[in-house]
Amino acid sequence: MSSRLLVRSVAESDITEAALWYEDRAAGVGAQFLRAVDVAIADAVRLPARFPVVHRQIRRVLLRRFPYAIYFTADKLAVTVIACMHAHRDPHSWQRRVSEEPQGI
């Protein structure tokens, strides 16, 4: 079980932008999106092996109610969130992040 959670700054930006987009459409939906993200990340931290490997060592957890996925890596020390992207977005956009050095974790 991983004990530490790291969220890359680009993933934080993904989450913030999506929450703001939802909030602009309807009051309160942005907060609901953030709760769904929190639940998905907590599930990933609690039992990372439960989620499928979708690219190299990257795993994916889907959000409930929202068409978004959290992409993360997990090892004995930490779960690192790489991206939060719309499920229909080009997968190459988050796959490029795999080789990038974590900046502003």
N, C-alpha and C. Protein backbone atom coordinates (compact mmCIF):
# COMPACT_ATOMS: atom_id res chain seq x y z
N MET A 1 0.84 -1.17 0.00
CA MET A 1 0.00 0.00 0.00
C MET A 1 0.88 1.24 0.00
N SER A 2 0.55 2.18 -0.84
CA SER A 2 1.28 3.44 -0.89
C SER A 2 0.83 4.33 0.25
N SER A 3 1.77 5.07 0.79
CA SER A 3 1.41 5.90 1.93
C SER A 3 1.45 7.39 1.62
N ARG A 4 2.02 7.78 0.51
CA ARG A 4 2.19 9.19 0.21
C ARG A 4 1.52 9.52 -1.12
N LEU A 5 0.92 10.70 -1.20
CA LEU A 5 0.28 11.15 -2.41
C LEU A 5 1.03 12.37 -2.94
N LEU A 6 1.41 12.30 -4.22
CA LEU A 6 2.03 13.43 -4.90
C LEU A 6 1.16 13.77 -6.10
N VAL A 7 0.90 15.05 -6.27
CA VAL A 7 0.11 15.50 -7.42
C VAL A 7 0.95 16.51 -8.18
N ARG A 8 1.28 16.16 -9.41
CA ARG A 8 2.06 17.09 -10.23
C ARG A 8 1.27 18.38 -10.46
N SER A 9 1.99 19.46 -10.59
CA SER A 9 1.32 20.76 -10.77
C SER A 9 0.46 20.79 -12.03
N VAL A 10 0.88 20.10 -13.08
CA VAL A 10 0.06 20.07 -14.30
C VAL A 10 -1.25 19.32 -14.06
N ALA A 11 -1.22 18.31 -13.21
CA ALA A 11 -2.44 17.58 -12.86
C ALA A 11 -3.35 18.47 -12.02
N GLU A 12 -2.77 19.24 -11.11
CA GLU A 12 -3.56 20.19 -10.32
C GLU A 12 -4.25 21.19 -11.24
N SER A 13 -3.53 21.64 -12.26
CA SER A 13 -4.11 22.57 -13.23
C SER A 13 -5.25 21.92 -14.01
N ASP A 14 -5.06 20.66 -14.40
CA ASP A 14 -6.12 19.92 -15.09
C ASP A 14 -7.40 19.90 -14.25
N ILE A 15 -7.23 19.58 -12.98
CA ILE A 15 -8.37 19.45 -12.07
C ILE A 15 -9.05 20.80 -11.88
N THR A 16 -8.27 21.84 -11.65
CA THR A 16 -8.82 23.18 -11.44
C THR A 16 -9.58 23.66 -12.66
N GLU A 17 -8.98 23.51 -13.84
CA GLU A 17 -9.63 23.95 -15.08
C GLU A 17 -10.96 23.23 -15.30
N ALA A 18 -10.99 21.93 -15.08
CA ALA A 18 -12.22 21.17 -15.27
C ALA A 18 -13.28 21.59 -14.25
N ALA A 19 -12.88 21.77 -13.01
CA ALA A 19 -13.84 22.19 -11.98
C ALA A 19 -14.43 23.56 -12.31
N LEU A 20 -13.59 24.49 -12.77
CA LEU A 20 -14.08 25.81 -13.15
C LEU A 20 -15.02 25.73 -14.35
N TRP A 21 -14.70 24.87 -15.30
CA TRP A 21 -15.57 24.69 -16.47
C TRP A 21 -16.95 24.22 -16.02
N TYR A 22 -16.98 23.21 -15.15
CA TYR A 22 -18.27 22.70 -14.66
C TYR A 22 -19.01 23.75 -13.84
N GLU A 23 -18.30 24.48 -13.03
CA GLU A 23 -18.93 25.50 -12.19
C GLU A 23 -19.53 26.61 -13.05
N ASP A 24 -18.89 26.94 -14.17
CA ASP A 24 -19.43 27.94 -15.08
C ASP A 24 -20.74 27.48 -15.71
N ARG A 25 -20.94 26.18 -15.85
CA ARG A 25 -22.15 25.65 -16.47
C ARG A 25 -23.30 25.60 -15.48
N ALA A 26 -23.00 25.26 -14.22
CA ALA A 26 -24.06 25.16 -13.21
C ALA A 26 -23.44 25.27 -11.82
N ALA A 27 -24.04 26.13 -11.01
CA ALA A 27 -23.53 26.35 -9.65
C ALA A 27 -23.52 25.04 -8.86
N GLY A 28 -22.39 24.78 -8.23
CA GLY A 28 -22.24 23.59 -7.38
C GLY A 28 -21.67 22.37 -8.09
N VAL A 29 -21.72 22.35 -9.41
CA VAL A 29 -21.23 21.17 -10.14
C VAL A 29 -19.71 21.09 -10.09
N GLY A 30 -19.05 22.23 -10.04
CA GLY A 30 -17.59 22.23 -9.90
C GLY A 30 -17.17 21.56 -8.60
N ALA A 31 -17.88 21.85 -7.52
CA ALA A 31 -17.59 21.23 -6.23
C ALA A 31 -17.87 19.73 -6.27
N GLN A 32 -18.92 19.33 -6.98
CA GLN A 32 -19.22 17.90 -7.13
C GLN A 32 -18.10 17.21 -7.90
N PHE A 33 -17.59 17.88 -8.92
CA PHE A 33 -16.46 17.33 -9.68
C PHE A 33 -15.26 17.13 -8.75
N LEU A 34 -14.95 18.13 -7.94
CA LEU A 34 -13.81 18.02 -7.02
C LEU A 34 -13.99 16.87 -6.03
N ARG A 35 -15.22 16.66 -5.56
CA ARG A 35 -15.47 15.52 -4.66
C ARG A 35 -15.24 14.20 -5.39
N ALA A 36 -15.65 14.12 -6.64
CA ALA A 36 -15.44 12.90 -7.43
C ALA A 36 -13.94 12.64 -7.63
N VAL A 37 -13.18 13.71 -7.86
CA VAL A 37 -11.72 13.59 -7.99
C VAL A 37 -11.13 13.08 -6.68
N ASP A 38 -11.55 13.66 -5.56
CA ASP A 38 -11.04 13.23 -4.25
C ASP A 38 -11.31 11.75 -3.99
N VAL A 39 -12.50 11.30 -4.33
CA VAL A 39 -12.87 9.88 -4.13
C VAL A 39 -11.99 8.99 -5.01
N ALA A 40 -11.82 9.37 -6.27
CA ALA A 40 -11.02 8.57 -7.19
C ALA A 40 -9.57 8.48 -6.74
N ILE A 41 -9.01 9.61 -6.32
CA ILE A 41 -7.62 9.60 -5.85
C ILE A 41 -7.48 8.80 -4.57
N ALA A 42 -8.43 8.93 -3.66
CA ALA A 42 -8.38 8.14 -2.43
C ALA A 42 -8.43 6.65 -2.73
N ASP A 43 -9.25 6.25 -3.70
CA ASP A 43 -9.30 4.84 -4.11
C ASP A 43 -7.96 4.40 -4.67
N ALA A 44 -7.33 5.26 -5.47
CA ALA A 44 -6.03 4.93 -6.06
C ALA A 44 -4.96 4.78 -5.00
N VAL A 45 -5.00 5.62 -3.99
CA VAL A 45 -4.01 5.54 -2.91
C VAL A 45 -4.25 4.30 -2.06
N ARG A 46 -5.51 3.99 -1.80
CA ARG A 46 -5.86 2.86 -0.94
C ARG A 46 -5.49 1.53 -1.58
N LEU A 47 -5.77 1.37 -2.88
CA LEU A 47 -5.54 0.10 -3.55
C LEU A 47 -5.16 0.32 -5.02
N PRO A 48 -3.95 0.81 -5.27
CA PRO A 48 -3.57 1.17 -6.65
C PRO A 48 -3.60 0.00 -7.63
N ALA A 49 -3.31 -1.20 -7.18
CA ALA A 49 -3.27 -2.35 -8.09
C ALA A 49 -4.65 -2.72 -8.62
N ARG A 50 -5.67 -2.18 -8.04
CA ARG A 50 -7.05 -2.43 -8.47
C ARG A 50 -7.32 -1.83 -9.85
N PHE A 51 -6.54 -0.84 -10.24
CA PHE A 51 -6.80 -0.09 -11.46
C PHE A 51 -5.87 -0.55 -12.58
N PRO A 52 -6.39 -0.56 -13.81
CA PRO A 52 -5.61 -1.12 -14.92
C PRO A 52 -4.42 -0.26 -15.33
N VAL A 53 -3.37 -0.95 -15.75
CA VAL A 53 -2.22 -0.28 -16.36
C VAL A 53 -2.64 0.01 -17.79
N VAL A 54 -2.53 1.29 -18.18
CA VAL A 54 -2.96 1.68 -19.53
C VAL A 54 -1.81 2.09 -20.43
N HIS A 55 -0.64 2.33 -19.84
CA HIS A 55 0.54 2.72 -20.62
C HIS A 55 1.76 2.59 -19.72
N ARG A 56 2.68 1.75 -20.13
CA ARG A 56 3.88 1.50 -19.33
C ARG A 56 3.47 1.24 -17.89
N GLN A 57 3.91 2.08 -16.94
CA GLN A 57 3.56 1.87 -15.54
C GLN A 57 2.39 2.75 -15.08
N ILE A 58 1.72 3.40 -16.03
CA ILE A 58 0.64 4.33 -15.71
C ILE A 58 -0.68 3.59 -15.55
N ARG A 59 -1.36 3.89 -14.46
CA ARG A 59 -2.68 3.32 -14.18
C ARG A 59 -3.74 4.39 -14.35
N ARG A 60 -4.99 3.95 -14.51
CA ARG A 60 -6.09 4.89 -14.72
C ARG A 60 -7.25 4.54 -13.80
N VAL A 61 -7.79 5.56 -13.16
CA VAL A 61 -9.02 5.42 -12.39
C VAL A 61 -10.04 6.40 -12.99
N LEU A 62 -11.23 5.87 -13.27
CA LEU A 62 -12.28 6.69 -13.86
C LEU A 62 -13.10 7.34 -12.76
N LEU A 63 -13.51 8.59 -13.01
CA LEU A 63 -14.36 9.29 -12.06
C LEU A 63 -15.80 8.81 -12.22
N ARG A 64 -16.51 8.78 -11.13
CA ARG A 64 -17.93 8.48 -11.19
C ARG A 64 -18.66 9.76 -11.58
N ARG A 65 -19.62 9.62 -12.44
CA ARG A 65 -20.51 10.70 -12.88
C ARG A 65 -19.90 11.66 -13.88
N PHE A 66 -18.61 11.76 -13.96
CA PHE A 66 -17.95 12.68 -14.87
C PHE A 66 -17.08 11.90 -15.85
N PRO A 67 -17.01 12.34 -17.11
CA PRO A 67 -16.23 11.61 -18.11
C PRO A 67 -14.74 11.95 -18.06
N TYR A 68 -14.16 11.79 -16.88
CA TYR A 68 -12.75 12.11 -16.66
C TYR A 68 -12.04 10.91 -16.07
N ALA A 69 -10.72 10.90 -16.27
CA ALA A 69 -9.88 9.84 -15.72
C ALA A 69 -8.68 10.48 -15.03
N ILE A 70 -8.26 9.85 -13.95
CA ILE A 70 -7.04 10.23 -13.24
C ILE A 70 -5.97 9.22 -13.66
N TYR A 71 -4.84 9.72 -14.14
CA TYR A 71 -3.72 8.88 -14.53
C TYR A 71 -2.64 9.01 -13.46
N PHE A 72 -2.14 7.86 -13.01
CA PHE A 72 -1.20 7.88 -11.89
C PHE A 72 -0.21 6.73 -11.97
N THR A 73 0.90 6.91 -11.25
CA THR A 73 1.85 5.82 -11.04
C THR A 73 1.81 5.48 -9.56
N ALA A 74 2.20 4.26 -9.24
CA ALA A 74 2.22 3.83 -7.85
C ALA A 74 3.42 2.95 -7.61
N ASP A 75 4.10 3.21 -6.52
CA ASP A 75 5.16 2.32 -6.07
C ASP A 75 5.02 2.17 -4.56
N LYS A 76 6.00 1.56 -3.92
CA LYS A 76 5.89 1.31 -2.48
C LYS A 76 5.87 2.58 -1.66
N LEU A 77 6.41 3.67 -2.20
CA LEU A 77 6.52 4.91 -1.45
C LEU A 77 5.41 5.91 -1.72
N ALA A 78 4.88 5.93 -2.94
CA ALA A 78 3.92 6.99 -3.26
C ALA A 78 3.05 6.66 -4.45
N VAL A 79 1.92 7.35 -4.49
CA VAL A 79 1.07 7.42 -5.67
C VAL A 79 1.28 8.82 -6.22
N THR A 80 1.61 8.90 -7.51
CA THR A 80 1.85 10.19 -8.15
C THR A 80 0.81 10.40 -9.25
N VAL A 81 0.01 11.45 -9.09
CA VAL A 81 -1.00 11.79 -10.08
C VAL A 81 -0.33 12.60 -11.18
N ILE A 82 -0.46 12.11 -12.41
CA ILE A 82 0.18 12.73 -13.56
C ILE A 82 -0.78 13.63 -14.32
N ALA A 83 -2.05 13.20 -14.40
CA ALA A 83 -3.01 13.97 -15.19
C ALA A 83 -4.43 13.65 -14.75
N CYS A 84 -5.30 14.60 -15.04
CA CYS A 84 -6.75 14.41 -14.92
C CYS A 84 -7.31 14.92 -16.23
N MET A 85 -7.77 14.01 -17.06
CA MET A 85 -8.18 14.39 -18.42
C MET A 85 -9.53 13.81 -18.77
N HIS A 86 -10.20 14.52 -19.67
CA HIS A 86 -11.46 14.04 -20.22
C HIS A 86 -11.18 12.69 -20.88
N ALA A 87 -12.05 11.75 -20.67
CA ALA A 87 -11.83 10.38 -21.15
C ALA A 87 -11.76 10.27 -22.68
N HIS A 88 -12.31 11.25 -23.39
CA HIS A 88 -12.27 11.20 -24.85
C HIS A 88 -11.15 12.03 -25.44
N ARG A 89 -10.30 12.57 -24.60
CA ARG A 89 -9.19 13.37 -25.09
C ARG A 89 -8.09 12.46 -25.65
N ASP A 90 -7.31 12.96 -26.57
CA ASP A 90 -6.22 12.21 -27.17
C ASP A 90 -5.27 11.70 -26.08
N PRO A 91 -5.07 10.39 -25.99
CA PRO A 91 -4.21 9.85 -24.94
C PRO A 91 -2.76 10.31 -25.03
N HIS A 92 -2.32 10.75 -26.19
CA HIS A 92 -0.94 11.22 -26.30
C HIS A 92 -0.70 12.45 -25.45
N SER A 93 -1.75 13.21 -25.15
CA SER A 93 -1.57 14.42 -24.36
C SER A 93 -1.11 14.12 -22.94
N TRP A 94 -1.58 13.04 -22.34
CA TRP A 94 -1.09 12.69 -21.00
C TRP A 94 0.12 11.77 -21.08
N GLN A 95 0.25 10.99 -22.14
CA GLN A 95 1.39 10.08 -22.26
C GLN A 95 2.71 10.84 -22.36
N ARG A 96 2.68 12.03 -22.95
CA ARG A 96 3.90 12.84 -23.02
C ARG A 96 4.39 13.21 -21.63
N ARG A 97 3.51 13.29 -20.68
CA ARG A 97 3.89 13.66 -19.31
C ARG A 97 4.69 12.58 -18.61
N VAL A 98 4.58 11.35 -19.09
CA VAL A 98 5.28 10.23 -18.46
C VAL A 98 6.79 10.47 -18.46
N SER A 99 7.30 10.99 -19.55
CA SER A 99 8.75 11.18 -19.66
C SER A 99 9.22 12.52 -19.08
N GLU A 100 8.27 13.39 -18.77
CA GLU A 100 8.65 14.69 -18.21
C GLU A 100 9.05 14.53 -16.75
N GLU A 101 9.98 15.33 -16.32
CA GLU A 101 10.36 15.34 -14.92
C GLU A 101 9.26 16.01 -14.11
N PRO A 102 8.95 15.48 -12.92
CA PRO A 102 7.94 16.14 -12.10
C PRO A 102 8.39 17.55 -11.72
N GLN A 103 7.56 18.51 -12.06
CA GLN A 103 7.87 19.89 -11.72
C GLN A 103 6.79 20.42 -10.81
N GLY A 104 7.19 21.00 -9.72
CA GLY A 104 6.23 21.61 -8.81
C GLY A 104 5.26 20.63 -8.20
N ILE A 105 5.77 19.48 -7.79
CA ILE A 105 4.92 18.47 -7.18
C ILE A 105 4.26 19.03 -5.94
